[in-house]
C-alpha atoms as a PDB file:
ATOM      1  CA  MET A   1       7.020  -6.689  -2.417  1.00  0.00           C
ATOM      2  CA  LYS A   2       6.055  -4.682   0.650  1.00  0.00           C
ATOM      3  CA  ASN A   3       8.494  -6.627   2.794  1.00  0.00           C
ATOM      4  CA  LEU A   4      11.144  -6.077   0.300  1.00  0.00           C
ATOM      5  CA  LEU A   5      10.557  -2.291   0.281  1.00  0.00           C
ATOM      6  CA  LYS A   6      10.735  -2.296   4.053  1.00  0.00           C
ATOM      7  CA  LEU A   7      14.064  -4.243   3.901  1.00  0.00           C
ATOM      8  CA  GLU A   8      15.504  -1.686   1.463  1.00  0.00           C
ATOM      9  CA  ASP A   9      14.342   1.146   3.705  1.00  0.00           C
ATOM     10  CA  ALA A  10      15.951  -0.540   6.700  1.00  0.00           C
ATOM     11  CA  ALA A  11      19.252  -0.835   4.854  1.00  0.00           C
ATOM     12  CA  GLU A  12      19.020   2.939   3.956  1.00  0.00           C
ATOM     13  CA  TRP A  13      18.204   3.784   7.525  1.00  0.00           C
ATOM     14  CA  ILE A  14      21.202   1.855   8.751  1.00  0.00           C
ATOM     15  CA  PHE A  15      23.240   3.694   6.041  1.00  0.00           C
ATOM     16  CA  SER A  16      22.087   7.077   7.618  1.00  0.00           C
ATOM     17  CA  ILE A  17      23.340   5.935  10.932  1.00  0.00           C
ATOM     18  CA  PHE A  18      26.659   5.040   9.381  1.00  0.00           C
ATOM     19  CA  LEU A  19      26.890   8.410   7.688  1.00  0.00           C
ATOM     20  CA  PHE A  20      25.999  10.118  11.011  1.00  0.00           C
ATOM     21  CA  SER A  21      28.864   8.214  12.615  1.00  0.00           C
ATOM     22  CA  LYS A  22      31.261   9.921  10.213  1.00  0.00           C
ATOM     23  CA  LEU A  23      30.201  13.339  11.315  1.00  0.00           C
ATOM     24  CA  GLU A  24      31.753  15.125  14.290  1.00  0.00           C
ATOM     25  CA  TYR A  25      28.794  14.992  16.587  1.00  0.00           C
ATOM     26  CA  ALA A  26      27.954  13.190  19.786  1.00  0.00           C
ATOM     27  CA  TRP A  27      26.153   9.832  19.293  1.00  0.00           C
ATOM     28  CA  TRP A  28      23.092  10.961  21.338  1.00  0.00           C
ATOM     29  CA  LEU A  29      22.365  13.607  18.775  1.00  0.00           C
ATOM     30  CA  TYR A  30      21.002  11.134  16.186  1.00  0.00           C
ATOM     31  CA  PRO A  31      18.189   9.713  18.409  1.00  0.00           C
ATOM     32  CA  THR A  32      17.516  13.201  19.699  1.00  0.00           C
ATOM     33  CA  LEU A  33      16.899  14.727  16.255  1.00  0.00           C
ATOM     34  CA  ILE A  34      15.421  11.715  14.312  1.00  0.00           C
ATOM     35  CA  LEU A  35      11.834  12.686  15.117  1.00  0.00           C
ATOM     36  CA  LEU A  36      12.309  16.319  14.403  1.00  0.00           C
ATOM     37  CA  PRO A  37      11.060  16.091  10.816  1.00  0.00           C
ATOM     38  CA  ASP A  38       7.594  15.026  12.182  1.00  0.00           C
ATOM     39  CA  LEU A  39       7.039  18.718  13.122  1.00  0.00           C
ATOM     40  CA  SER A  40       5.905  18.902   9.411  1.00  0.00           C
ATOM     41  CA  MET A  41       2.630  17.284  10.596  1.00  0.00           C
ATOM     42  CA  LEU A  42       1.710  20.666  12.133  1.00  0.00           C
ATOM     43  CA  GLY A  43       0.493  21.504   8.516  1.00  0.00           C
ATOM     44  CA  TYR A  44      -2.500  19.211   9.308  1.00  0.00           C
ATOM     45  CA  MET A  45      -3.705  21.970  11.706  1.00  0.00           C
ATOM     46  CA  VAL A  46      -4.541  23.944   8.539  1.00  0.00           C
ATOM     47  CA  ASN A  47      -6.143  21.126   6.546  1.00  0.00           C
ATOM     48  CA  SER A  48      -5.385  17.760   5.062  1.00  0.00           C
ATOM     49  CA  ARG A  49      -4.048  19.122   1.763  1.00  0.00           C
ATOM     50  CA  VAL A  50      -1.652  21.526   3.492  1.00  0.00           C
ATOM     51  CA  GLY A  51      -0.732  18.869   5.909  1.00  0.00           C
ATOM     52  CA  ALA A  52       0.119  16.255   3.204  1.00  0.00           C
ATOM     53  CA  ALA A  53       2.062  18.726   1.141  1.00  0.00           C
ATOM     54  CA  ALA A  54       4.216  19.787   4.191  1.00  0.00           C
ATOM     55  CA  TYR A  55       4.706  16.233   5.371  1.00  0.00           C
ATOM     56  CA  ASN A  56       5.582  14.932   1.860  1.00  0.00           C
ATOM     57  CA  PHE A  57       8.111  17.755   1.306  1.00  0.00           C
ATOM     58  CA  VAL A  58       9.964  17.033   4.454  1.00  0.00           C
ATOM     59  CA  HIS A  59       9.629  13.313   4.143  1.00  0.00           C
ATOM     60  CA  HIS A  60      10.940  13.037   0.618  1.00  0.00           C
ATOM     61  CA  LYS A  61      14.206  11.165   0.696  1.00  0.00           C
ATOM     62  CA  GLY A  62      15.546  13.358  -2.173  1.00  0.00           C
ATOM     63  CA  LEU A  63      15.434  16.495   0.172  1.00  0.00           C
ATOM     64  CA  GLY A  64      17.662  14.743   2.681  1.00  0.00           C
ATOM     65  CA  ILE A  65      20.038  13.745  -0.148  1.00  0.00           C
ATOM     66  CA  VAL A  66      20.143  17.222  -1.662  1.00  0.00           C
ATOM     67  CA  ILE A  67      20.824  18.870   1.663  1.00  0.00           C
ATOM     68  CA  GLY A  68      23.356  16.364   2.788  1.00  0.00           C
ATOM     69  CA  SER A  69      25.159  16.551  -0.617  1.00  0.00           C
ATOM     70  CA  ALA A  70      25.150  20.433  -0.374  1.00  0.00           C
ATOM     71  CA  GLY A  71      26.662  20.020   3.063  1.00  0.00           C
ATOM     72  CA  PHE A  72      29.352  17.659   1.701  1.00  0.00           C
ATOM     73  CA  MET A  73      30.267  19.999  -1.152  1.00  0.00           C
ATOM     74  CA  LEU A  74      30.276  23.062   1.065  1.00  0.00           C
ATOM     75  CA  ALA A  75      32.149  21.146   3.898  1.00  0.00           C
ATOM     76  CA  SER A  76      29.363  22.181   6.267  1.00  0.00           C
ATOM     77  CA  GLN A  77      28.769  19.758   9.088  1.00  0.00           C
ATOM     78  CA  PRO A  78      25.325  21.214  10.047  1.00  0.00           C
ATOM     79  CA  LEU A  79      24.061  20.777   6.453  1.00  0.00           C
ATOM     80  CA  MET A  80      25.374  17.219   6.413  1.00  0.00           C
ATOM     81  CA  LEU A  81      23.724  16.505   9.789  1.00  0.00           C
ATOM     82  CA  ALA A  82      20.382  17.969   8.587  1.00  0.00           C
ATOM     83  CA  GLY A  83      20.597  15.839   5.414  1.00  0.00           C
ATOM     84  CA  VAL A  84      21.413  12.699   7.234  1.00  0.00           C
ATOM     85  CA  ILE A  85      18.554  13.276   9.786  1.00  0.00           C
ATOM     86  CA  LEU A  86      16.000  13.989   7.037  1.00  0.00           C
ATOM     87  CA  PHE A  87      17.112  10.914   4.986  1.00  0.00           C
ATOM     88  CA  GLY A  88      17.202   8.659   7.937  1.00  0.00           C
ATOM     89  CA  HIS A  89      13.888   9.735   9.307  1.00  0.00           C
ATOM     90  CA  SER A  90      12.165   9.159   5.895  1.00  0.00           C
ATOM     91  CA  CYS A  91      13.760   5.739   5.776  1.00  0.00           C
ATOM     92  CA  MET A  92      12.672   4.929   9.416  1.00  0.00           C
ATOM     93  CA  ASP A  93       9.041   6.013   8.817  1.00  0.00           C
ATOM     94  CA  ARG A  94       8.766   3.743   5.660  1.00  0.00           C
ATOM     95  CA  VAL A  95      10.057   0.797   7.603  1.00  0.00           C
ATOM     96  CA  PHE A  96       7.254   1.409  10.175  1.00  0.00           C
ATOM     97  CA  GLY A  97       4.618   1.893   7.421  1.00  0.00           C
ATOM     98  CA  TYR A  98       4.340   5.503   7.324  1.00  0.00           C
ATOM     99  CA  GLY A  99       4.499   6.515   3.590  1.00  0.00           C
ATOM    100  CA  LEU A 100       3.995   9.694   1.758  1.00  0.00           C
ATOM    101  CA  LYS A 101       0.559  11.137   2.367  1.00  0.00           C
ATOM    102  CA  TYR A 102      -2.432  11.722   0.022  1.00  0.00           C
ATOM    103  CA  GLY A 103      -4.471  14.910   0.514  1.00  0.00           C
ATOM    104  CA  ASP A 104      -7.616  13.308   1.711  1.00  0.00           C
ATOM    105  CA  ASP A 105      -6.514  11.533   5.042  1.00  0.00           C
ATOM    106  CA  PHE A 106      -3.447  11.337   7.138  1.00  0.00           C
ATOM    107  CA  LYS A 107      -3.701   7.580   7.252  1.00  0.00           C
ATOM    108  CA  HIS A 108      -3.853   7.238   3.344  1.00  0.00           C
ATOM    109  CA  THR A 109      -0.271   6.805   2.176  1.00  0.00           C
ATOM    110  CA  HIS A 110       1.568   5.415  -0.805  1.00  0.00           C
ATOM    111  CA  LEU A 111       2.342   2.353   1.163  1.00  0.00           C
ATOM    112  CA  GLY A 112      -1.452   1.729   1.917  1.00  0.00           C
ATOM    113  CA  LYS A 113      -3.631   2.678   4.962  1.00  0.00           C
ATOM    114  CA  ILE A 114      -1.842   3.169   8.145  1.00  0.00           C
ATOM    115  CA  GLY A 115      -2.812   0.504  10.758  1.00  0.00           C
ATOM    116  CA  ASN A 116      -3.855  -2.240   8.265  1.00  0.00           C
END
């Protein structure tokens, strides 16, 4: 089941790259911005609960979909870009085993322990 979920996330990640290709931005912007959502890990400097909440909010696929959809409806390229990057990053993280976090430990995710 875990491999099936990773395959699904890989397909969604590829879809985000396809969506990005339809925007009017240079190709190098996608790889430049794709790790930007990881700044949400700065919440772990406060404590594990705040870090997990910040990380989970930014890494929820629904956030990327909502922002990207708002950008589409408002014909806003920057909003569509933000949505595609957030969605793509969340998919990419799940492909590599980084799931949504529990409040007790950064390595405790909904996909299991990181590194196991």
